[in-house]
Amino acid sequence: MNRVLLTVAALAGGLMVASALPAAAQNTPGATPYTPELLADGQPDITGMWNNSRAIFTPLELPEELAGKELSADELQERAQARGEGRIAGAEWKGHEENAGGVGGYGTYWFDWYWETPDDIGQASIIVDPPNGRIPAPTANARESVAMAMAELHDEAGNMESGDRCISRGVLGMMMPTEYNNGTLILQSPGYVTIHSEMIHNVRIIPIDAPHADTKVKQWEGDPRGRWEGNTLVVESRNFKAVKNMRGPTAGTRSRQSEKQHMVERFTVVGPDEIRYSVTMDDEDTYTAPWTAAFPFNRDDEYLQFEYACHEGNYSVPNALGGARQEEAGQ
């Protein structure tokens, strides 16, 4: 059960057997496709609060020991259970010697893996393409760019990761499952879908069946345009702003964003309380090949988005820069 903390002001207005080689999520073969209710403008109704926290118990990439193996539903659930228990055990304070990595950033009660009951999502990894379940290697240019960004990380505020600066975590930072703040509010109005992410309170307003803006207009989360294909909302985003330091598909990875980045997301309504989501990343300047992640969003009417007052009390930037200046002075 999700914790209920504080509410934020509202916005305007089956796989029976799963393979360890990930496959895109789909409806059970032979099942009657779900027919969602339609809004006045013909859009399938996906308005409401959704949550992808079930997916936090599935690793982003396929563990190497599972390559070529098939896992039953029971085995997937056992792995999810072990992953959840391991996260809690690893967060317990055992003294300075065993916790040499530090005291951590938050109390365990902030994290969804502490509160949620571990559940598998019918696949062994979040990455479903390429077939090996691994993110393709970064390009040589991307490796050099990220290494330079990390080497110069605290030379000035503009070098720090865009999420730490409370600007944007990018589309992946909005949509991929993470440690906490996984609530996603979807609102619909005639000709538009609005996606409000709890993390940094990013909002994407997506026009339906509309042309993209001029290529000269570059944006942090790109220029999204949507279209409905049956029960699936397809969102294509291009015209991304180049960002030299932006988190990758997980909070622990650093990447960058190039102007060639092109993303296609699919929101497939498979039932009244579930959307199967996938995102395909295609950025030839950053990755040596495209890759796709997939996982479910589940309806969560009881979830209340917690206020993400990022700039209020954000000591990360001044403290990090101040510490770097002290280090340079040999103090």
Protein backbone atom coordinates (compact mmCIF):
# COMPACT_ATOMS: atom_id res chain seq x y z
CA MET A 1 0.00 0.00 0.00
CA ASN A 2 1.31 3.42 -0.87
CA ARG A 3 1.94 5.86 1.91
CA VAL A 4 -0.28 8.94 2.08
CA LEU A 5 1.69 12.04 2.97
CA LEU A 6 0.62 15.44 1.72
CA THR A 7 -1.51 16.45 -1.20
CA VAL A 8 -0.33 18.86 -3.86
CA ALA A 9 -2.46 21.44 -5.56
CA ALA A 10 -4.24 19.85 -8.53
CA LEU A 11 -3.39 20.76 -12.09
CA ALA A 12 -5.68 22.90 -14.22
CA GLY A 13 -9.08 22.38 -15.50
CA GLY A 14 0.00 -11.77 -17.80
CA LEU A 15 2.30 -13.53 -18.84
CA MET A 16 1.76 -17.06 -17.35
CA VAL A 17 5.39 -18.01 -18.04
CA ALA A 18 7.99 -15.33 -18.63
CA SER A 19 11.29 -15.64 -20.44
CA ALA A 20 14.50 -14.31 -18.98
CA LEU A 21 15.04 -12.91 -22.45
CA PRO A 22 12.66 -9.96 -22.08
CA ALA A 23 9.75 -9.57 -24.44
CA ALA A 24 7.48 -6.59 -24.82
CA ALA A 25 4.51 -6.77 -22.48
CA GLN A 26 1.27 -7.75 -24.15
CA ASN A 27 -2.19 -9.04 -23.45
CA THR A 28 -2.67 -12.72 -22.71
CA PRO A 29 -3.00 -14.58 -26.06
CA GLY A 30 -6.60 -15.30 -26.93
CA ALA A 31 -8.00 -12.85 -24.41
CA THR A 32 -10.68 -10.38 -25.49
CA PRO A 33 -9.05 -6.94 -25.87
CA TYR A 34 -10.17 -4.46 -23.26
CA THR A 35 -12.50 -1.74 -24.50
CA PRO A 36 -11.95 1.47 -22.52
CA GLU A 37 -14.52 4.21 -22.09
CA LEU A 38 -14.17 7.08 -24.54
CA LEU A 39 -14.14 10.79 -23.83
CA ALA A 40 -16.23 13.27 -25.80
CA ASP A 41 -13.42 13.84 -28.32
CA GLY A 42 -12.98 10.10 -28.89
CA GLN A 43 -9.88 9.59 -26.75
CA PRO A 44 -9.78 6.44 -24.59
CA ASP A 45 -10.16 7.63 -21.01
CA ILE A 46 -6.86 7.32 -19.11
CA THR A 47 -7.46 10.25 -16.78
CA GLY A 48 -6.42 9.61 -13.20
CA MET A 49 -3.53 8.83 -10.88
CA TRP A 50 -1.16 6.08 -12.00
CA ASN A 51 1.86 4.52 -10.34
CA ASN A 52 4.75 2.44 -11.69
CA SER A 53 6.14 1.42 -8.29
CA ARG A 54 5.49 -2.29 -8.99
CA ALA A 55 8.40 -2.17 -11.42
CA ILE A 56 10.98 -1.13 -8.79
CA PHE A 57 11.43 -4.80 -7.87
CA THR A 58 12.54 -5.68 -11.42
CA PRO A 59 16.13 -4.83 -12.42
CA LEU A 60 16.70 -2.37 -15.24
CA GLU A 61 18.97 -4.75 -17.15
CA LEU A 62 18.89 -8.53 -17.44
CA PRO A 63 21.39 -10.12 -15.05
CA GLU A 64 24.08 -11.92 -17.04
CA GLU A 65 23.41 -15.22 -15.28
CA LEU A 66 19.87 -15.23 -16.71
CA ALA A 67 20.88 -14.87 -20.34
CA GLY A 68 19.04 -17.48 -22.42
CA LYS A 69 17.08 -18.84 -19.46
CA GLU A 70 13.34 -19.01 -18.97
CA LEU A 71 11.80 -18.14 -15.65
CA SER A 72 8.41 -19.22 -14.39
CA ALA A 73 6.01 -16.80 -12.77
CA ASP A 74 6.97 -18.23 -9.37
CA GLU A 75 10.67 -17.70 -10.06
CA LEU A 76 10.07 -14.10 -11.14
CA GLN A 77 8.11 -13.47 -7.95
CA GLU A 78 10.88 -15.02 -5.85
CA ARG A 79 13.43 -12.72 -7.49
CA ALA A 80 11.21 -9.68 -6.88
CA GLN A 81 10.81 -10.69 -3.22
CA ALA A 82 14.54 -11.14 -2.79
CA ARG A 83 15.26 -7.81 -4.46
CA GLY A 84 12.86 -6.02 -2.11
CA GLU A 85 14.24 -7.71 1.01
CA GLY A 86 17.79 -6.99 -0.13
CA ARG A 87 17.09 -3.28 -0.51
CA ILE A 88 15.75 -3.06 3.03
CA ALA A 89 18.60 -5.13 4.50
CA GLY A 90 21.18 -3.05 2.65
CA ALA A 91 19.73 0.17 4.05
CA GLU A 92 19.94 -0.93 7.67
CA TRP A 93 22.63 0.84 9.72
CA LYS A 94 25.23 -1.69 10.93
CA GLY A 95 27.94 0.69 12.07
CA HIS A 96 30.62 2.74 10.39
CA GLU A 97 32.75 -0.24 9.43
CA GLU A 98 30.04 -2.11 7.54
CA ASN A 99 28.43 1.07 6.20
CA ALA A 100 31.69 2.49 4.87
CA GLY A 101 29.83 3.94 1.91
CA GLY A 102 28.07 6.50 4.08
CA VAL A 103 24.91 6.99 6.06
CA GLY A 104 22.67 7.33 3.01
CA GLY A 105 20.60 10.23 1.82
CA TYR A 106 17.16 9.57 3.35
CA GLY A 107 15.43 7.53 5.98
CA THR A 108 14.01 4.24 4.66
CA TYR A 109 10.44 5.49 5.08
CA TRP A 110 10.92 7.77 2.04
CA PHE A 111 11.43 4.84 -0.33
CA ASP A 112 8.71 2.91 -2.10
CA TRP A 113 10.65 -0.35 -1.79
CA TYR A 114 10.31 -0.03 1.99
CA TRP A 115 6.52 0.22 1.91
CA GLU A 116 5.49 -1.72 -1.18
CA THR A 117 4.90 -5.48 -1.23
CA PRO A 118 7.36 -6.90 -3.81
CA ASP A 119 5.63 -7.97 -6.99
CA ASP A 120 6.96 -9.16 -10.32
CA ILE A 121 5.78 -7.61 -13.60
CA GLY A 122 6.00 -10.73 -15.75
CA GLN A 123 9.47 -10.03 -17.13
CA ALA A 124 13.02 -10.43 -15.87
CA SER A 125 14.23 -6.93 -16.71
CA ILE A 126 12.88 -3.49 -17.56
CA ILE A 127 14.90 -3.41 -20.79
CA VAL A 128 13.04 -5.49 -23.37
CA ASP A 129 15.05 -4.62 -26.48
CA PRO A 130 17.74 -5.48 -27.51
CA PRO A 131 17.00 -9.15 -26.78
CA ASN A 132 19.93 -9.45 -24.36
CA GLY A 133 18.11 -7.08 -22.02
CA ARG A 134 21.06 -4.69 -21.80
CA ILE A 135 21.35 -1.02 -22.73
CA PRO A 136 23.64 -0.66 -25.76
CA ALA A 137 27.06 0.82 -25.09
CA PRO A 138 27.39 4.59 -25.24
CA THR A 139 29.18 6.09 -28.22
CA ALA A 140 32.82 7.12 -27.84
CA ASN A 141 31.76 10.75 -27.99
CA ALA A 142 29.18 10.22 -25.23
CA ARG A 143 31.70 8.46 -22.99
CA GLU A 144 34.14 11.33 -23.43
CA SER A 145 31.43 13.92 -22.85
CA VAL A 146 30.14 12.29 -19.66
CA ALA A 147 33.67 11.78 -18.33
CA MET A 148 34.46 15.45 -18.92
CA ALA A 149 31.23 16.51 -17.24
CA MET A 150 32.08 14.44 -14.17
CA ALA A 151 35.66 15.74 -14.07
CA GLU A 152 34.40 19.33 -14.18
CA LEU A 153 31.28 18.61 -12.14
CA HIS A 154 31.76 21.26 -9.45
CA ASP A 155 33.64 23.87 -11.44
CA GLU A 156 30.39 25.78 -11.84
CA ALA A 157 26.66 25.28 -11.30
CA GLY A 158 26.00 24.78 -15.02
CA ASN A 159 28.11 21.61 -15.00
CA MET A 160 26.00 19.83 -12.39
CA GLU A 161 23.35 17.29 -13.30
CA SER A 162 20.16 19.02 -14.42
CA GLY A 163 18.02 17.19 -11.85
CA ASP A 164 20.27 18.28 -8.99
CA ARG A 165 19.73 21.83 -10.25
CA CYS A 166 15.94 21.26 -10.09
CA ILE A 167 15.54 21.92 -13.82
CA SER A 168 14.66 18.58 -15.38
CA ARG A 169 15.39 14.88 -15.11
CA GLY A 170 14.36 14.46 -18.73
CA VAL A 171 11.63 12.18 -20.03
CA LEU A 172 13.32 9.08 -18.61
CA GLY A 173 13.53 10.73 -15.19
CA MET A 174 9.81 11.44 -15.36
CA MET A 175 8.61 8.05 -16.53
CA MET A 176 11.05 5.34 -15.39
CA PRO A 177 10.43 3.69 -12.00
CA THR A 178 12.63 5.11 -9.28
CA GLU A 179 13.19 5.07 -5.52
CA TYR A 180 10.24 7.28 -4.59
CA ASN A 181 7.74 9.78 -6.04
CA ASN A 182 6.43 7.37 -8.66
CA GLY A 183 2.97 8.91 -8.84
CA THR A 184 1.95 10.11 -12.31
CA LEU A 185 -1.20 12.16 -12.85
CA ILE A 186 -2.75 12.02 -16.32
CA LEU A 187 -5.32 14.62 -17.35
CA GLN A 188 -7.13 14.88 -20.68
CA SER A 189 -8.90 17.71 -22.43
CA PRO A 190 -10.11 17.93 -26.05
CA GLY A 191 -7.06 17.46 -28.26
CA TYR A 192 -4.55 17.13 -25.41
CA VAL A 193 -3.08 14.72 -22.87
CA THR A 194 -1.25 16.19 -19.87
CA ILE A 195 1.24 14.09 -17.89
CA HIS A 196 2.22 15.44 -14.48
CA SER A 197 5.18 13.69 -12.85
CA GLU A 198 5.57 13.79 -9.09
CA MET A 199 9.35 13.98 -9.45
CA ILE A 200 10.29 17.70 -9.74
CA HIS A 201 6.63 18.27 -10.72
CA ASN A 202 7.49 18.19 -14.42
CA VAL A 203 4.46 18.61 -16.67
CA ARG A 204 4.23 17.62 -20.31
CA ILE A 205 1.31 18.95 -22.33
CA ILE A 206 0.95 16.70 -25.37
CA PRO A 207 -1.13 17.87 -28.37
CA ILE A 208 -2.96 15.08 -30.19
CA ASP A 209 -2.75 14.80 -33.99
CA ALA A 210 -0.80 18.05 -34.30
CA PRO A 211 2.42 18.83 -36.19
CA HIS A 212 5.72 19.25 -34.37
CA ALA A 213 7.08 22.69 -33.64
CA ASP A 214 9.84 24.12 -35.82
CA THR A 215 13.13 22.25 -35.40
CA LYS A 216 14.71 25.49 -34.18
CA VAL A 217 12.63 25.22 -30.98
CA LYS A 218 14.62 23.02 -28.57
CA GLN A 219 13.19 21.96 -25.20
CA TRP A 220 14.39 20.11 -22.10
CA GLU A 221 11.79 17.32 -22.54
CA GLY A 222 11.56 17.68 -26.30
CA ASP A 223 8.51 18.50 -28.38
CA PRO A 224 5.94 15.72 -27.75
CA ARG A 225 3.10 14.96 -30.16
CA GLY A 226 0.55 12.22 -29.60
CA ARG A 227 -1.74 10.06 -31.67
CA TRP A 228 -4.11 7.26 -30.75
CA GLU A 229 -3.75 3.84 -32.38
CA GLY A 230 -6.71 1.93 -30.99
CA ASN A 231 -6.10 1.51 -27.25
CA THR A 232 -2.54 2.84 -27.52
CA LEU A 233 -1.46 6.44 -27.10
CA VAL A 234 1.73 6.89 -29.12
CA VAL A 235 3.82 9.91 -28.08
CA GLU A 236 6.70 10.90 -30.33
CA SER A 237 9.18 13.46 -29.01
CA ARG A 238 11.92 15.26 -30.90
CA ASN A 239 13.53 18.74 -30.85
CA PHE A 240 15.44 18.05 -27.64
CA LYS A 241 17.76 20.59 -26.09
CA ALA A 242 21.37 19.38 -25.86
CA VAL A 243 22.22 18.79 -22.18
CA LYS A 244 25.74 17.70 -21.22
CA ASN A 245 24.86 16.28 -17.81
CA MET A 246 21.48 14.56 -17.34
CA ARG A 247 20.64 11.41 -15.46
CA GLY A 248 20.17 8.29 -17.53
CA PRO A 249 17.53 5.56 -17.20
CA THR A 250 18.17 5.19 -13.45
CA ALA A 251 19.01 7.62 -10.67
CA GLY A 252 22.47 6.11 -10.35
CA THR A 253 23.54 6.62 -13.95
CA ARG A 254 24.75 9.77 -15.67
CA SER A 255 24.26 10.42 -19.34
CA ARG A 256 23.70 13.32 -21.66
CA GLN A 257 21.07 14.42 -24.15
CA SER A 258 21.80 15.39 -27.73
CA GLU A 259 19.69 17.30 -30.23
CA LYS A 260 19.40 14.08 -32.28
CA GLN A 261 17.50 12.34 -29.50
CA HIS A 262 14.21 10.83 -30.67
CA MET A 263 11.84 9.05 -28.31
CA VAL A 264 8.65 7.06 -28.90
CA GLU A 265 6.44 6.16 -25.94
CA ARG A 266 3.43 3.86 -26.02
CA PHE A 267 0.67 3.83 -23.42
CA THR A 268 -1.51 0.78 -24.07
CA VAL A 269 -4.71 0.46 -22.05
CA VAL A 270 -5.04 -3.24 -21.19
CA GLY A 271 -7.64 -2.94 -18.44
CA PRO A 272 -9.47 -0.45 -16.24
CA ASP A 273 -6.54 -0.34 -13.83
CA GLU A 274 -3.46 -0.99 -15.96
CA ILE A 275 -1.53 0.71 -18.73
CA ARG A 276 1.38 -1.11 -20.35
CA TYR A 277 4.03 1.51 -21.01
CA SER A 278 7.07 1.35 -23.25
CA VAL A 279 9.67 3.90 -24.27
CA THR A 280 12.13 3.57 -27.14
CA MET A 281 15.25 5.71 -26.96
CA ASP A 282 17.00 6.51 -30.24
CA ASP A 283 19.92 8.91 -29.91
CA GLU A 284 22.71 8.00 -32.31
CA ASP A 285 25.03 10.55 -30.74
CA THR A 286 24.67 8.98 -27.29
CA TYR A 287 23.94 5.25 -27.77
CA THR A 288 25.37 2.83 -30.31
CA ALA A 289 21.88 1.41 -30.94
CA PRO A 290 18.27 2.15 -29.97
CA TRP A 291 16.83 0.46 -26.88
CA THR A 292 13.39 -0.06 -25.35
CA ALA A 293 12.16 -0.28 -21.77
CA ALA A 294 8.68 -1.53 -20.78
CA PHE A 295 6.72 -1.88 -17.55
CA PRO A 296 3.19 -1.35 -16.19
CA PHE A 297 1.50 1.67 -14.71
CA ASN A 298 -1.33 0.76 -12.35
CA ARG A 299 -4.23 2.96 -11.35
CA ASP A 300 -3.82 4.20 -7.78
CA ASP A 301 -6.76 6.37 -6.77
CA GLU A 302 -5.60 6.53 -3.14
CA TYR A 303 -2.17 7.93 -3.96
CA LEU A 304 -1.60 11.60 -3.21
CA GLN A 305 1.38 13.21 -4.88
CA PHE A 306 3.86 14.59 -2.38
CA GLU A 307 5.00 18.17 -2.81
CA TYR A 308 8.38 18.20 -4.56
CA ALA A 309 9.64 21.60 -3.44
CA CYS A 310 12.95 21.11 -5.21
CA HIS A 311 14.29 24.66 -5.13
CA GLU A 312 13.05 25.29 -1.59
CA GLY A 313 15.85 24.17 0.68
CA ASN A 314 17.91 22.74 -2.20
CA TYR A 315 21.35 22.98 -0.62
CA SER A 316 22.89 20.56 -3.10
CA VAL A 317 24.25 23.18 -5.49
CA PRO A 318 25.70 25.74 -3.02
CA ASN A 319 27.03 23.05 -0.67
CA ALA A 320 28.66 21.05 -3.48
CA LEU A 321 30.24 24.13 -5.04
CA GLY A 322 31.28 25.48 -1.64
CA GLY A 323 32.87 22.14 -0.73
CA ALA A 324 34.78 22.11 -4.01
CA ARG A 325 36.14 25.60 -3.35
CA GLN A 326 37.26 24.53 0.13
CA GLU A 327 38.94 21.45 -1.34
CA GLU A 328 40.76 23.58 -3.90
CA ALA A 329 42.00 25.83 -1.12
CA GLY A 330 43.36 22.80 0.72
CA GLN A 331 41.04 23.19 3.67
